[in-house]
């Protein structure tokens, strides 16, 4: 797995889930060398953190009501 791919932020929540699903499949196959498996695990942790962050932001936006309207989400 190239380092540039490991550092790249997914385009969207859905893209992150898709990449994570594919990554899990490769890791669970047991056919990856140890170094690639470790890189895959690290990338998976990054993707999981990205997904959790997006879900948390959306959850916060839903909970914050201002006079009956949602406040716009501002990415932190």
N, C-alpha and C. Protein backbone atom coordinates (compact mmCIF):
# COMPACT_ATOMS: atom_id res chain seq x y z
N UNK A 1 0.85 -1.17 0.00
CA UNK A 1 0.00 0.00 0.00
C UNK A 1 0.90 1.23 0.00
N UNK A 2 0.79 2.10 -1.02
CA UNK A 2 1.63 3.28 -1.08
C UNK A 2 1.33 4.24 0.05
N UNK A 3 2.35 4.96 0.51
CA UNK A 3 2.15 5.89 1.61
C UNK A 3 1.21 7.01 1.24
N UNK A 4 1.21 7.45 -0.03
CA UNK A 4 0.32 8.54 -0.43
C UNK A 4 -1.14 8.13 -0.28
N UNK A 5 -1.45 6.86 -0.53
CA UNK A 5 -2.81 6.38 -0.35
C UNK A 5 -3.17 6.35 1.13
N UNK A 6 -2.22 5.98 1.97
CA UNK A 6 -2.50 5.90 3.40
C UNK A 6 -2.79 7.27 3.99
N UNK A 7 -2.22 8.31 3.41
CA UNK A 7 -2.41 9.65 3.94
C UNK A 7 -3.63 10.34 3.33
N UNK A 8 -4.15 9.82 2.23
CA UNK A 8 -5.26 10.46 1.53
C UNK A 8 -6.56 10.35 2.34
N UNK A 9 -7.25 11.50 2.44
CA UNK A 9 -8.54 11.49 3.12
C UNK A 9 -9.61 11.04 2.13
N UNK A 10 -10.52 10.20 2.56
CA UNK A 10 -11.58 9.75 1.66
C UNK A 10 -12.43 10.92 1.17
N UNK A 11 -13.00 10.76 0.00
CA UNK A 11 -13.85 11.81 -0.58
C UNK A 11 -15.15 11.98 0.19
N UNK A 12 -15.62 10.89 0.79
CA UNK A 12 -16.89 10.95 1.51
C UNK A 12 -16.96 9.80 2.52
N UNK A 13 -17.99 9.86 3.35
CA UNK A 13 -18.24 8.79 4.32
C UNK A 13 -18.43 7.47 3.59
N UNK A 14 -19.21 7.51 2.52
CA UNK A 14 -19.49 6.30 1.76
C UNK A 14 -18.23 5.72 1.13
N UNK A 15 -17.36 6.60 0.62
CA UNK A 15 -16.10 6.14 0.03
C UNK A 15 -15.21 5.50 1.10
N UNK A 16 -15.22 6.07 2.29
CA UNK A 16 -14.43 5.51 3.39
C UNK A 16 -14.94 4.13 3.77
N UNK A 17 -16.26 3.98 3.84
CA UNK A 17 -16.83 2.67 4.16
C UNK A 17 -16.49 1.63 3.10
N UNK A 18 -16.56 2.03 1.85
CA UNK A 18 -16.23 1.12 0.75
C UNK A 18 -14.78 0.67 0.83
N UNK A 19 -13.87 1.62 1.04
CA UNK A 19 -12.46 1.29 1.15
C UNK A 19 -12.20 0.40 2.36
N UNK A 20 -12.85 0.71 3.47
CA UNK A 20 -12.69 -0.08 4.69
C UNK A 20 -13.18 -1.51 4.47
N UNK A 21 -14.30 -1.66 3.80
CA UNK A 21 -14.84 -2.99 3.52
C UNK A 21 -13.87 -3.81 2.66
N UNK A 22 -13.31 -3.18 1.63
CA UNK A 22 -12.34 -3.87 0.77
C UNK A 22 -11.08 -4.23 1.54
N UNK A 23 -10.64 -3.32 2.38
CA UNK A 23 -9.44 -3.53 3.18
C UNK A 23 -9.62 -4.70 4.15
N UNK A 24 -10.76 -4.75 4.79
CA UNK A 24 -11.05 -5.85 5.72
C UNK A 24 -11.03 -7.18 4.99
N UNK A 25 -11.60 -7.20 3.79
CA UNK A 25 -11.58 -8.43 2.99
C UNK A 25 -10.18 -8.91 2.68
N UNK A 26 -9.30 -7.97 2.32
CA UNK A 26 -7.91 -8.35 2.01
C UNK A 26 -7.19 -8.84 3.26
N UNK A 27 -7.40 -8.17 4.38
CA UNK A 27 -6.74 -8.58 5.62
C UNK A 27 -7.24 -9.94 6.07
N UNK A 28 -8.55 -10.15 6.02
CA UNK A 28 -9.12 -11.42 6.47
C UNK A 28 -8.77 -12.59 5.56
N UNK A 29 -8.36 -12.31 4.33
CA UNK A 29 -8.00 -13.39 3.42
C UNK A 29 -6.76 -14.13 3.90
N UNK A 30 -5.94 -13.45 4.71
CA UNK A 30 -4.73 -14.08 5.23
C UNK A 30 -3.62 -14.20 4.20
N UNK A 31 -3.77 -13.56 3.05
CA UNK A 31 -2.79 -13.69 1.98
C UNK A 31 -1.81 -12.53 1.90
N UNK A 32 -1.94 -11.55 2.80
CA UNK A 32 -1.04 -10.40 2.78
C UNK A 32 0.22 -10.67 3.58
N UNK A 33 1.35 -10.18 3.09
CA UNK A 33 2.57 -10.24 3.91
C UNK A 33 2.37 -9.39 5.16
N UNK A 34 3.13 -9.68 6.18
CA UNK A 34 2.99 -9.01 7.47
C UNK A 34 3.07 -7.49 7.35
N UNK A 35 4.02 -6.99 6.57
CA UNK A 35 4.19 -5.54 6.42
C UNK A 35 2.94 -4.91 5.78
N UNK A 36 2.38 -5.54 4.77
CA UNK A 36 1.18 -5.01 4.13
C UNK A 36 -0.03 -5.11 5.06
N UNK A 37 -0.07 -6.16 5.86
CA UNK A 37 -1.16 -6.31 6.81
C UNK A 37 -1.12 -5.19 7.85
N UNK A 38 0.08 -4.86 8.32
CA UNK A 38 0.24 -3.77 9.28
C UNK A 38 -0.18 -2.44 8.66
N UNK A 39 0.25 -2.19 7.42
CA UNK A 39 -0.13 -0.95 6.72
C UNK A 39 -1.65 -0.92 6.53
N UNK A 40 -2.25 -2.05 6.23
CA UNK A 40 -3.70 -2.13 6.08
C UNK A 40 -4.41 -1.85 7.39
N UNK A 41 -3.87 -2.36 8.46
CA UNK A 41 -4.46 -2.10 9.78
C UNK A 41 -4.41 -0.61 10.11
N UNK A 42 -3.26 0.01 9.84
CA UNK A 42 -3.12 1.45 10.09
C UNK A 42 -4.10 2.26 9.25
N UNK A 43 -4.23 1.89 7.97
CA UNK A 43 -5.17 2.59 7.10
C UNK A 43 -6.60 2.38 7.59
N UNK A 44 -6.90 1.18 8.03
CA UNK A 44 -8.23 0.90 8.57
C UNK A 44 -8.54 1.76 9.78
N UNK A 45 -7.56 1.96 10.64
CA UNK A 45 -7.75 2.82 11.81
C UNK A 45 -8.01 4.26 11.39
N UNK A 46 -7.32 4.73 10.34
CA UNK A 46 -7.55 6.08 9.82
C UNK A 46 -8.97 6.20 9.26
N UNK A 47 -9.39 5.21 8.50
CA UNK A 47 -10.73 5.23 7.91
C UNK A 47 -11.80 5.19 8.98
N UNK A 48 -11.58 4.38 10.00
CA UNK A 48 -12.55 4.28 11.10
C UNK A 48 -12.67 5.61 11.83
N UNK A 49 -11.54 6.26 12.08
CA UNK A 49 -11.56 7.58 12.74
C UNK A 49 -12.29 8.60 11.87
N UNK A 50 -12.07 8.56 10.56
CA UNK A 50 -12.75 9.46 9.63
C UNK A 50 -14.26 9.25 9.70
N UNK A 51 -14.70 7.99 9.65
CA UNK A 51 -16.13 7.68 9.69
C UNK A 51 -16.75 8.11 11.02
N UNK A 52 -16.07 7.84 12.10
CA UNK A 52 -16.59 8.24 13.42
C UNK A 52 -16.72 9.75 13.52
N UNK A 53 -15.74 10.46 12.97
CA UNK A 53 -15.77 11.92 12.99
C UNK A 53 -16.96 12.46 12.21
N UNK A 54 -17.19 11.89 11.03
CA UNK A 54 -18.32 12.34 10.20
C UNK A 54 -19.65 12.04 10.89
N UNK A 55 -19.77 10.85 11.46
CA UNK A 55 -21.00 10.49 12.15
C UNK A 55 -21.25 11.38 13.35
N UNK A 56 -20.20 11.68 14.08
CA UNK A 56 -20.32 12.55 15.25
C UNK A 56 -20.77 13.95 14.85
N UNK A 57 -20.19 14.47 13.76
CA UNK A 57 -20.55 15.80 13.30
C UNK A 57 -22.01 15.86 12.86
N UNK A 58 -22.46 14.85 12.16
CA UNK A 58 -23.85 14.81 11.71
C UNK A 58 -24.78 14.66 12.90
N UNK A 59 -24.41 13.81 13.84
CA UNK A 59 -25.22 13.63 15.05
C UNK A 59 -25.33 14.95 15.82
N UNK A 60 -24.24 15.67 15.93
CA UNK A 60 -24.23 16.96 16.62
C UNK A 60 -25.13 17.96 15.90
N UNK A 61 -25.06 17.97 14.58
CA UNK A 61 -25.88 18.89 13.79
C UNK A 61 -27.36 18.61 14.00
N UNK A 62 -27.72 17.36 14.06
CA UNK A 62 -29.12 16.99 14.26
C UNK A 62 -29.60 17.43 15.63
N UNK A 63 -28.73 17.34 16.62
CA UNK A 63 -29.11 17.68 17.99
C UNK A 63 -29.19 19.19 18.24
N UNK A 64 -28.46 19.97 17.46
CA UNK A 64 -28.41 21.40 17.69
C UNK A 64 -29.50 22.09 16.87
N UNK A 65 -30.55 22.46 17.53
CA UNK A 65 -31.63 23.17 16.86
C UNK A 65 -31.64 24.61 17.33
N UNK A 66 -31.80 25.51 16.40
CA UNK A 66 -31.83 26.93 16.72
C UNK A 66 -33.12 27.52 16.17
N UNK A 67 -34.09 27.75 17.01
CA UNK A 67 -35.40 28.28 16.63
C UNK A 67 -36.04 27.44 15.53
N UNK A 68 -35.96 26.15 15.68
CA UNK A 68 -36.65 25.25 14.76
C UNK A 68 -35.90 24.93 13.49
N UNK A 69 -34.71 25.48 13.29
CA UNK A 69 -33.94 25.16 12.10
C UNK A 69 -32.57 24.63 12.49
N UNK A 70 -32.05 23.76 11.67
CA UNK A 70 -30.72 23.22 11.91
C UNK A 70 -29.66 24.26 11.60
N UNK A 71 -28.65 24.31 12.41
CA UNK A 71 -27.51 25.16 12.11
C UNK A 71 -26.65 24.43 11.08
N UNK A 72 -26.03 25.15 10.16
CA UNK A 72 -25.18 24.48 9.18
C UNK A 72 -23.99 23.81 9.85
N UNK A 73 -23.58 22.68 9.28
CA UNK A 73 -22.44 21.93 9.80
C UNK A 73 -21.17 22.61 9.34
N UNK A 74 -20.28 22.87 10.27
CA UNK A 74 -18.98 23.46 9.95
C UNK A 74 -17.92 22.42 10.29
N UNK A 75 -17.20 21.98 9.25
CA UNK A 75 -16.19 20.95 9.44
C UNK A 75 -15.05 21.52 10.27
N UNK A 76 -14.67 20.80 11.32
CA UNK A 76 -13.61 21.26 12.22
C UNK A 76 -12.27 20.76 11.79
